[in-house]
Amino acid sequence: MRKDTWDQCAAIAGLMSVFLFFAGWFIYGNGPTVADDPGSILRFFTDNHDRVILSMFVQGLGALAMIWFMAALVMAMRDADEMILAVTAGLSFAVALALGSAATIMRSGIAFISIGDTSPDTVAVIFHLGSVIDTGQNIISAGFFLPVAIAALRTRFIPAWWGWVSIAVGLWAVASTTALNHSGFWSPNKAGFLNVVFYVVWVGGTSILLMKHMRKGSR
């Protein structure tokens, strides 16, 4: 297979990751929120042990696909002579993905320990900590939304209008880091999680545009 074909496959990997992440969320189902009492949180993970573990596995596959996609995106930025922005985006992505993965693994850990004689309060502490990590990493994700936006506006390696979309998503990522109320919209399970949805949709859109860019370059 030619190199440019592999590069296009890497760009398509973004769409693969979107599918896998949404599949993982569907499998996980309607989970508890930070406003729920410890007993309810424990019951969810006890009753849905297998679903939570399977969800982690599917999202892990999504993370692998997203790494491949991000490598293609960073290389496209480098080829557009935006090396500093490319490195910034790549490092920010790596940190954000590591934190998000840690939060997912913590939820799977709860499913694992909930089978035994575990205190509801212990489970609630781990669950809340995972929610805070998930929300706290939002500001790190702005570290790749905004460099991609600037590169798009300066070089048009992907359309400039997507650069403006990326700026809006990046600003939301920064703002949603403060979504740490225990209830209401401005909480980890609502405004905080909405950033994750924006992130996944943004990856899908960027994947399509990057694929078109690579096809033009290979002609």
C-alpha atoms as a PDB file:
ATOM      1  CA  MET A   1       0.000   0.000   0.000  1.00  0.00           C
ATOM      2  CA  ARG A   2       1.354   3.429  -0.954  1.00  0.00           C
ATOM      3  CA  LYS A   3       2.368   5.913   1.734  1.00  0.00           C
ATOM      4  CA  ASP A   4      -0.296   8.469   0.761  1.00  0.00           C
ATOM      5  CA  THR A   5      -2.924   5.721   1.062  1.00  0.00           C
ATOM      6  CA  TRP A   6      -1.746   4.937   4.605  1.00  0.00           C
ATOM      7  CA  ASP A   7      -1.856   8.656   5.415  1.00  0.00           C
ATOM      8  CA  GLN A   8      -5.450   8.864   4.206  1.00  0.00           C
ATOM      9  CA  CYS A   9      -6.317   5.809   6.295  1.00  0.00           C
ATOM     10  CA  ALA A  10      -4.875   7.611   9.323  1.00  0.00           C
ATOM     11  CA  ALA A  11      -7.148  10.571   8.589  1.00  0.00           C
ATOM     12  CA  ILE A  12     -10.157   8.234   8.306  1.00  0.00           C
ATOM     13  CA  ALA A  13      -9.220   6.795  11.715  1.00  0.00           C
ATOM     14  CA  GLY A  14     -10.792   9.897  13.236  1.00  0.00           C
ATOM     15  CA  LEU A  15     -14.192   8.761  11.981  1.00  0.00           C
ATOM     16  CA  MET A  16     -13.510   5.273  13.323  1.00  0.00           C
ATOM     17  CA  SER A  17     -12.778   6.730  16.749  1.00  0.00           C
ATOM     18  CA  VAL A  18     -16.035   8.713  16.688  1.00  0.00           C
ATOM     19  CA  PHE A  19     -18.026   5.547  15.981  1.00  0.00           C
ATOM     20  CA  LEU A  20     -16.232   3.611  18.722  1.00  0.00           C
ATOM     21  CA  PHE A  21     -16.626   6.344  21.342  1.00  0.00           C
ATOM     22  CA  PHE A  22     -20.351   6.690  20.689  1.00  0.00           C
ATOM     23  CA  ALA A  23     -20.682   2.895  20.752  1.00  0.00           C
ATOM     24  CA  GLY A  24     -18.893   2.856  24.110  1.00  0.00           C
ATOM     25  CA  TRP A  25     -21.232   5.479  25.547  1.00  0.00           C
ATOM     26  CA  PHE A  26     -24.249   3.539  24.269  1.00  0.00           C
ATOM     27  CA  ILE A  27     -22.997   0.377  25.947  1.00  0.00           C
ATOM     28  CA  TYR A  28     -22.299   2.249  29.208  1.00  0.00           C
ATOM     29  CA  GLY A  29     -25.853   3.557  29.232  1.00  0.00           C
ATOM     30  CA  ASN A  30     -27.436   6.124  31.506  1.00  0.00           C
ATOM     31  CA  GLY A  31     -24.968   6.097  34.358  1.00  0.00           C
ATOM     32  CA  PRO A  32     -24.998   7.882  37.710  1.00  0.00           C
ATOM     33  CA  THR A  33     -24.239  11.571  38.191  1.00  0.00           C
ATOM     34  CA  VAL A  34     -22.261  13.416  40.845  1.00  0.00           C
ATOM     35  CA  ALA A  35     -25.583  14.435  42.415  1.00  0.00           C
ATOM     36  CA  ASP A  36     -26.560  10.802  43.137  1.00  0.00           C
ATOM     37  CA  ASP A  37     -26.153   9.277  46.569  1.00  0.00           C
ATOM     38  CA  PRO A  38     -23.325   6.745  47.170  1.00  0.00           C
ATOM     39  CA  GLY A  39     -25.743   3.813  47.343  1.00  0.00           C
ATOM     40  CA  SER A  40     -27.168   4.565  43.893  1.00  0.00           C
ATOM     41  CA  ILE A  41     -23.698   4.887  42.396  1.00  0.00           C
ATOM     42  CA  LEU A  42     -22.650   1.547  43.876  1.00  0.00           C
ATOM     43  CA  ARG A  43     -25.826  -0.169  42.641  1.00  0.00           C
ATOM     44  CA  PHE A  44     -25.260   1.016  39.058  1.00  0.00           C
ATOM     45  CA  PHE A  45     -21.756  -0.383  38.896  1.00  0.00           C
ATOM     46  CA  THR A  46     -22.760  -3.613  40.636  1.00  0.00           C
ATOM     47  CA  ASP A  47     -25.749  -4.196  38.355  1.00  0.00           C
ATOM     48  CA  ASN A  48     -23.926  -3.173  35.166  1.00  0.00           C
ATOM     49  CA  HIS A  49     -20.469  -4.612  35.808  1.00  0.00           C
ATOM     50  CA  ASP A  50     -20.082  -6.297  32.391  1.00  0.00           C
ATOM     51  CA  ARG A  51     -21.447  -3.305  30.463  1.00  0.00           C
ATOM     52  CA  VAL A  52     -19.010  -0.906  32.114  1.00  0.00           C
ATOM     53  CA  ILE A  53     -16.016  -3.163  31.398  1.00  0.00           C
ATOM     54  CA  LEU A  54     -17.091  -3.656  27.771  1.00  0.00           C
ATOM     55  CA  SER A  55     -17.587   0.088  27.414  1.00  0.00           C
ATOM     56  CA  MET A  56     -14.013   0.691  28.579  1.00  0.00           C
ATOM     57  CA  PHE A  57     -12.705  -1.823  26.016  1.00  0.00           C
ATOM     58  CA  VAL A  58     -14.620  -0.236  23.121  1.00  0.00           C
ATOM     59  CA  GLN A  59     -13.537   3.275  24.136  1.00  0.00           C
ATOM     60  CA  GLY A  60      -9.965   1.985  24.370  1.00  0.00           C
ATOM     61  CA  LEU A  61     -10.165   0.930  20.724  1.00  0.00           C
ATOM     62  CA  GLY A  62     -11.528   4.396  19.980  1.00  0.00           C
ATOM     63  CA  ALA A  63      -8.536   5.941  21.725  1.00  0.00           C
ATOM     64  CA  LEU A  64      -6.147   3.897  19.557  1.00  0.00           C
ATOM     65  CA  ALA A  65      -7.919   5.088  16.407  1.00  0.00           C
ATOM     66  CA  MET A  66      -7.813   8.666  17.694  1.00  0.00           C
ATOM     67  CA  ILE A  67      -4.052   8.458  18.289  1.00  0.00           C
ATOM     68  CA  TRP A  68      -3.562   7.368  14.677  1.00  0.00           C
ATOM     69  CA  PHE A  69      -5.767  10.213  13.472  1.00  0.00           C
ATOM     70  CA  MET A  70      -3.985  12.792  15.625  1.00  0.00           C
ATOM     71  CA  ALA A  71      -0.627  11.679  14.234  1.00  0.00           C
ATOM     72  CA  ALA A  72      -1.924  12.377  10.722  1.00  0.00           C
ATOM     73  CA  LEU A  73      -3.257  15.778  11.793  1.00  0.00           C
ATOM     74  CA  VAL A  74       0.021  16.793  13.431  1.00  0.00           C
ATOM     75  CA  MET A  75       1.997  15.739  10.351  1.00  0.00           C
ATOM     76  CA  ALA A  76      -0.349  17.762   8.110  1.00  0.00           C
ATOM     77  CA  MET A  77       0.253  20.815  10.310  1.00  0.00           C
ATOM     78  CA  ARG A  78       3.993  20.236  10.129  1.00  0.00           C
ATOM     79  CA  ASP A  79       3.836  19.955   6.324  1.00  0.00           C
ATOM     80  CA  ALA A  80       2.008  23.301   6.349  1.00  0.00           C
ATOM     81  CA  ASP A  81       5.100  24.787   8.092  1.00  0.00           C
ATOM     82  CA  GLU A  82       3.355  25.098  11.459  1.00  0.00           C
ATOM     83  CA  MET A  83       5.814  23.030  13.479  1.00  0.00           C
ATOM     84  CA  ILE A  84       5.324  24.768  16.851  1.00  0.00           C
ATOM     85  CA  LEU A  85       1.556  24.583  16.563  1.00  0.00           C
ATOM     86  CA  ALA A  86       1.806  20.937  15.513  1.00  0.00           C
ATOM     87  CA  VAL A  87       3.945  20.029  18.529  1.00  0.00           C
ATOM     88  CA  THR A  88       1.658  21.979  20.869  1.00  0.00           C
ATOM     89  CA  ALA A  89      -1.400  20.211  19.500  1.00  0.00           C
ATOM     90  CA  GLY A  90       0.242  16.787  19.720  1.00  0.00           C
ATOM     91  CA  LEU A  91       1.456  17.198  23.291  1.00  0.00           C
ATOM     92  CA  SER A  92      -1.868  18.653  24.465  1.00  0.00           C
ATOM     93  CA  PHE A  93      -3.718  15.777  22.835  1.00  0.00           C
ATOM     94  CA  ALA A  94      -1.477  13.231  24.559  1.00  0.00           C
ATOM     95  CA  VAL A  95      -2.021  14.773  28.000  1.00  0.00           C
ATOM     96  CA  ALA A  96      -5.793  15.182  27.522  1.00  0.00           C
ATOM     97  CA  LEU A  97      -6.157  11.615  26.255  1.00  0.00           C
ATOM     98  CA  ALA A  98      -4.132  10.271  29.179  1.00  0.00           C
ATOM     99  CA  LEU A  99      -6.324  12.101  31.704  1.00  0.00           C
ATOM    100  CA  GLY A 100      -9.548  11.074  29.972  1.00  0.00           C
ATOM    101  CA  SER A 101      -8.355   7.471  29.817  1.00  0.00           C
ATOM    102  CA  ALA A 102      -7.483   7.565  33.518  1.00  0.00           C
ATOM    103  CA  ALA A 103     -11.041   8.678  34.335  1.00  0.00           C
ATOM    104  CA  THR A 104     -12.475   5.868  32.195  1.00  0.00           C
ATOM    105  CA  ILE A 105     -10.227   3.298  33.859  1.00  0.00           C
ATOM    106  CA  MET A 106     -11.322   4.574  37.276  1.00  0.00           C
ATOM    107  CA  ARG A 107     -14.951   3.887  36.367  1.00  0.00           C
ATOM    108  CA  SER A 108     -13.985   0.404  35.220  1.00  0.00           C
ATOM    109  CA  GLY A 109     -12.126  -0.034  38.497  1.00  0.00           C
ATOM    110  CA  ILE A 110     -15.316   0.793  40.363  1.00  0.00           C
ATOM    111  CA  ALA A 111     -17.123  -1.926  38.390  1.00  0.00           C
ATOM    112  CA  PHE A 112     -14.364  -4.343  39.353  1.00  0.00           C
ATOM    113  CA  ILE A 113     -14.351  -3.608  43.080  1.00  0.00           C
ATOM    114  CA  SER A 114     -18.141  -3.235  43.354  1.00  0.00           C
ATOM    115  CA  ILE A 115     -18.542  -7.016  43.090  1.00  0.00           C
ATOM    116  CA  GLY A 116     -16.893  -7.420  46.491  1.00  0.00           C
ATOM    117  CA  ASP A 117     -17.753  -6.012  49.896  1.00  0.00           C
ATOM    118  CA  THR A 118     -17.110  -2.364  49.054  1.00  0.00           C
ATOM    119  CA  SER A 119     -18.250   0.719  50.927  1.00  0.00           C
ATOM    120  CA  PRO A 120     -20.644   2.962  48.932  1.00  0.00           C
ATOM    121  CA  ASP A 121     -18.728   5.980  50.212  1.00  0.00           C
ATOM    122  CA  THR A 122     -15.469   4.605  48.788  1.00  0.00           C
ATOM    123  CA  VAL A 123     -17.111   4.027  45.420  1.00  0.00           C
ATOM    124  CA  ALA A 124     -18.581   7.541  45.447  1.00  0.00           C
ATOM    125  CA  VAL A 125     -15.171   9.098  46.164  1.00  0.00           C
ATOM    126  CA  ILE A 126     -13.575   7.259  43.227  1.00  0.00           C
ATOM    127  CA  PHE A 127     -16.502   8.139  40.953  1.00  0.00           C
ATOM    128  CA  HIS A 128     -16.400  11.824  41.884  1.00  0.00           C
ATOM    129  CA  LEU A 129     -12.627  11.938  41.424  1.00  0.00           C
ATOM    130  CA  GLY A 130     -12.992  10.447  37.935  1.00  0.00           C
ATOM    131  CA  SER A 131     -15.643  13.049  37.088  1.00  0.00           C
ATOM    132  CA  VAL A 132     -13.389  15.885  38.241  1.00  0.00           C
ATOM    133  CA  ILE A 133     -10.464  14.519  36.181  1.00  0.00           C
ATOM    134  CA  ASP A 134     -12.711  14.226  33.134  1.00  0.00           C
ATOM    135  CA  THR A 135     -13.858  17.829  33.527  1.00  0.00           C
ATOM    136  CA  GLY A 136     -10.455  19.190  34.491  1.00  0.00           C
ATOM    137  CA  GLN A 137      -8.819  17.858  31.335  1.00  0.00           C
ATOM    138  CA  ASN A 138     -11.148  20.009  29.228  1.00  0.00           C
ATOM    139  CA  ILE A 139      -8.779  22.956  29.488  1.00  0.00           C
ATOM    140  CA  ILE A 140      -5.928  20.774  28.212  1.00  0.00           C
ATOM    141  CA  SER A 141      -8.017  19.818  25.172  1.00  0.00           C
ATOM    142  CA  ALA A 142      -8.113  23.506  24.246  1.00  0.00           C
ATOM    143  CA  GLY A 143      -4.377  23.083  23.675  1.00  0.00           C
ATOM    144  CA  PHE A 144      -5.065  21.216  20.448  1.00  0.00           C
ATOM    145  CA  PHE A 145      -8.330  22.857  19.366  1.00  0.00           C
ATOM    146  CA  LEU A 146      -6.758  26.309  19.274  1.00  0.00           C
ATOM    147  CA  PRO A 147      -3.435  25.434  17.530  1.00  0.00           C
ATOM    148  CA  VAL A 148      -5.375  23.602  14.811  1.00  0.00           C
ATOM    149  CA  ALA A 149      -7.629  26.666  14.494  1.00  0.00           C
ATOM    150  CA  ILE A 150      -4.685  29.033  14.109  1.00  0.00           C
ATOM    151  CA  ALA A 151      -2.987  26.760  11.563  1.00  0.00           C
ATOM    152  CA  ALA A 152      -6.215  26.505   9.563  1.00  0.00           C
ATOM    153  CA  LEU A 153      -6.676  30.283   9.507  1.00  0.00           C
ATOM    154  CA  ARG A 154      -3.055  30.949   8.557  1.00  0.00           C
ATOM    155  CA  THR A 155      -2.368  28.192   6.026  1.00  0.00           C
ATOM    156  CA  ARG A 156      -5.811  26.873   4.933  1.00  0.00           C
ATOM    157  CA  PHE A 157      -4.496  23.302   5.262  1.00  0.00           C
ATOM    158  CA  ILE A 158      -8.118  22.679   6.211  1.00  0.00           C
ATOM    159  CA  PRO A 159     -10.837  25.279   5.497  1.00  0.00           C
ATOM    160  CA  ALA A 160     -10.628  28.549   7.407  1.00  0.00           C
ATOM    161  CA  TRP A 161     -14.265  28.277   8.489  1.00  0.00           C
ATOM    162  CA  TRP A 162     -13.351  25.125  10.397  1.00  0.00           C
ATOM    163  CA  GLY A 163     -10.679  27.180  12.117  1.00  0.00           C
ATOM    164  CA  TRP A 164     -13.404  29.454  13.508  1.00  0.00           C
ATOM    165  CA  VAL A 165     -15.404  26.395  14.586  1.00  0.00           C
ATOM    166  CA  SER A 166     -12.290  25.092  16.348  1.00  0.00           C
ATOM    167  CA  ILE A 167     -11.854  28.402  18.178  1.00  0.00           C
ATOM    168  CA  ALA A 168     -15.442  28.216  19.439  1.00  0.00           C
ATOM    169  CA  VAL A 169     -14.948  24.630  20.602  1.00  0.00           C
ATOM    170  CA  GLY A 170     -11.650  25.575  22.257  1.00  0.00           C
ATOM    171  CA  LEU A 171     -13.213  28.472  24.162  1.00  0.00           C
ATOM    172  CA  TRP A 172     -16.021  26.194  25.332  1.00  0.00           C
ATOM    173  CA  ALA A 173     -13.389  23.684  26.493  1.00  0.00           C
ATOM    174  CA  VAL A 174     -11.745  26.365  28.641  1.00  0.00           C
ATOM    175  CA  ALA A 175     -15.053  27.572  30.096  1.00  0.00           C
ATOM    176  CA  SER A 176     -16.427  24.085  30.802  1.00  0.00           C
ATOM    177  CA  THR A 177     -13.432  23.296  33.014  1.00  0.00           C
ATOM    178  CA  THR A 178     -15.243  25.246  35.736  1.00  0.00           C
ATOM    179  CA  ALA A 179     -18.366  23.042  35.480  1.00  0.00           C
ATOM    180  CA  LEU A 180     -17.906  21.523  38.929  1.00  0.00           C
ATOM    181  CA  ASN A 181     -21.289  22.111  40.563  1.00  0.00           C
ATOM    182  CA  HIS A 182     -22.829  19.020  42.137  1.00  0.00           C
ATOM    183  CA  SER A 183     -26.125  19.492  40.293  1.00  0.00           C
ATOM    184  CA  GLY A 184     -27.700  21.482  37.478  1.00  0.00           C
ATOM    185  CA  PHE A 185     -26.368  22.149  33.989  1.00  0.00           C
ATOM    186  CA  TRP A 186     -22.974  23.467  35.133  1.00  0.00           C
ATOM    187  CA  SER A 187     -21.853  20.095  36.507  1.00  0.00           C
ATOM    188  CA  PRO A 188     -19.431  17.412  35.260  1.00  0.00           C
ATOM    189  CA  ASN A 189     -22.199  15.193  33.908  1.00  0.00           C
ATOM    190  CA  LYS A 190     -23.786  17.961  31.817  1.00  0.00           C
ATOM    191  CA  ALA A 191     -21.675  20.974  30.787  1.00  0.00           C
ATOM    192  CA  GLY A 192     -18.482  19.047  31.541  1.00  0.00           C
ATOM    193  CA  PHE A 193     -19.511  16.038  29.484  1.00  0.00           C
ATOM    194  CA  LEU A 194     -20.797  18.242  26.664  1.00  0.00           C
ATOM    195  CA  ASN A 195     -17.184  19.177  25.960  1.00  0.00           C
ATOM    196  CA  VAL A 196     -16.403  15.499  25.414  1.00  0.00           C
ATOM    197  CA  VAL A 197     -19.247  15.317  22.884  1.00  0.00           C
ATOM    198  CA  PHE A 198     -17.952  18.448  21.123  1.00  0.00           C
ATOM    199  CA  TYR A 199     -14.477  16.915  21.140  1.00  0.00           C
ATOM    200  CA  VAL A 200     -15.606  13.698  19.471  1.00  0.00           C
ATOM    201  CA  VAL A 201     -17.751  15.532  16.877  1.00  0.00           C
ATOM    202  CA  TRP A 202     -14.838  17.898  16.186  1.00  0.00           C
ATOM    203  CA  VAL A 203     -12.568  14.921  15.574  1.00  0.00           C
ATOM    204  CA  GLY A 204     -15.091  13.548  13.067  1.00  0.00           C
ATOM    205  CA  GLY A 205     -15.359  16.854  11.199  1.00  0.00           C
ATOM    206  CA  THR A 206     -11.603  17.383  11.169  1.00  0.00           C
ATOM    207  CA  SER A 207     -11.095  13.820   9.958  1.00  0.00           C
ATOM    208  CA  ILE A 208     -13.329  14.411   6.922  1.00  0.00           C
ATOM    209  CA  LEU A 209     -11.651  17.727   6.056  1.00  0.00           C
ATOM    210  CA  LEU A 210      -8.156  16.310   6.542  1.00  0.00           C
ATOM    211  CA  MET A 211      -8.994  13.366   4.285  1.00  0.00           C
ATOM    212  CA  LYS A 212     -10.110  15.782   1.550  1.00  0.00           C
ATOM    213  CA  HIS A 213      -6.893  17.793   2.007  1.00  0.00           C
ATOM    214  CA  MET A 214      -4.749  14.666   1.633  1.00  0.00           C
ATOM    215  CA  ARG A 215      -6.610  13.537  -1.491  1.00  0.00           C
ATOM    216  CA  LYS A 216      -5.955  16.908  -3.123  1.00  0.00           C
ATOM    217  CA  GLY A 217      -2.290  16.683  -2.189  1.00  0.00           C
ATOM    218  CA  SER A 218      -1.913  13.198  -3.671  1.00  0.00           C
ATOM    219  CA  ARG A 219      -3.189  14.240  -7.129  1.00  0.00           C
END
